[in-house]
């Protein structure tokens, strides 16, 4: 019975090939964006781990002192002669 009812087409429809080509472009764009996002996250993680390892391996010379509530890094080297 449903086969006897005429179908009404509203507007123009693109050919099937055009729709599938557009869909393929969207799928590939999504894949490329996913790969780029994955690489960015991987790089951020690597940078964080490397920065922590470098901080442990190469501590700054000198010492931290408190100057009015602000930390200040001081690296004093050599000897000083007091003026008379």
Protein backbone atom coordinates (compact mmCIF):
# COMPACT_ATOMS: atom_id res chain seq x y z
CA UNK A 1 0.00 0.00 0.00
CA UNK A 2 2.82 2.40 0.77
CA UNK A 3 4.24 1.77 -2.69
CA UNK A 4 1.20 3.39 -4.27
CA UNK A 5 1.71 6.72 -2.49
CA UNK A 6 3.77 9.05 -4.69
CA UNK A 7 6.89 10.43 -3.11
CA UNK A 8 7.31 14.17 -3.03
CA UNK A 9 10.82 15.38 -3.61
CA UNK A 10 11.65 18.62 -1.91
CA UNK A 11 14.35 20.68 -3.55
CA UNK A 12 17.33 19.45 -5.48
CA UNK A 13 19.47 16.64 -4.26
CA UNK A 14 23.12 16.22 -4.99
CA UNK A 15 24.21 13.12 -6.83
CA UNK A 16 25.35 10.21 -4.70
CA UNK A 17 28.96 10.59 -5.89
CA UNK A 18 29.09 14.22 -4.72
CA UNK A 19 27.70 13.31 -1.31
CA UNK A 20 30.16 10.47 -0.83
CA UNK A 21 33.07 12.67 -1.97
CA UNK A 22 32.12 15.33 0.58
CA UNK A 23 31.83 12.70 3.25
CA UNK A 24 35.26 11.31 2.37
CA UNK A 25 36.75 14.78 2.68
CA UNK A 26 35.17 15.21 6.11
CA UNK A 27 36.42 11.81 7.27
CA UNK A 28 39.97 12.52 6.09
CA UNK A 29 39.93 15.99 7.64
CA UNK A 30 38.79 14.47 10.93
CA UNK A 31 41.54 11.87 10.79
CA UNK A 32 44.20 14.48 10.07
CA UNK A 33 42.98 16.65 12.94
CA UNK A 34 42.95 13.63 15.27
CA UNK A 35 46.55 12.76 14.33
CA UNK A 36 47.67 16.37 14.83
CA UNK A 37 45.95 16.52 18.21
CA UNK A 38 47.58 13.24 19.22
CA UNK A 39 51.01 14.49 18.18
CA UNK A 40 50.50 17.75 20.08
CA UNK A 41 49.52 15.86 23.25
CA UNK A 42 52.45 13.49 22.85
CA UNK A 43 54.84 16.43 22.41
CA UNK A 44 53.43 18.24 25.45
CA UNK A 45 53.87 15.13 27.58
CA UNK A 46 57.42 14.60 26.35
CA UNK A 47 58.28 18.25 27.05
CA UNK A 48 56.92 18.03 30.59
CA UNK A 49 58.85 14.84 31.40
CA UNK A 50 62.06 16.20 29.84
CA UNK A 51 61.80 19.49 31.71
CA UNK A 52 61.44 17.67 35.05
CA UNK A 53 64.42 15.42 34.24
CA UNK A 54 66.55 18.43 33.31
CA UNK A 55 65.63 20.24 36.52
CA UNK A 56 66.82 17.24 38.54
CA UNK A 57 69.97 16.67 36.47
CA UNK A 58 71.06 20.32 36.30
CA UNK A 59 70.12 22.21 39.46
CA UNK A 60 70.80 25.96 39.37
CA UNK A 61 74.05 27.07 41.07
CA UNK A 62 73.88 29.29 44.11
CA UNK A 63 71.00 29.49 46.52
CA UNK A 64 67.54 30.97 46.92
CA UNK A 65 67.14 33.76 49.49
CA UNK A 66 64.03 35.53 50.69
CA UNK A 67 64.06 39.27 49.98
CA UNK A 68 60.96 40.96 51.34
CA UNK A 69 58.76 37.96 50.67
CA UNK A 70 60.11 37.38 47.16
CA UNK A 71 62.47 34.52 46.35
CA UNK A 72 65.72 35.65 44.75
CA UNK A 73 68.33 33.38 43.21
CA UNK A 74 71.86 34.42 44.21
CA UNK A 75 75.07 32.98 42.87
CA UNK A 76 77.99 34.58 44.72
CA UNK A 77 81.43 33.62 43.46
CA UNK A 78 84.89 34.91 44.31
CA UNK A 79 86.02 36.90 47.33
CA UNK A 80 85.25 40.45 48.29
CA UNK A 81 87.47 42.85 50.14
CA UNK A 82 85.72 45.15 52.60
CA UNK A 83 86.55 48.79 51.92
CA UNK A 84 88.22 50.49 54.87
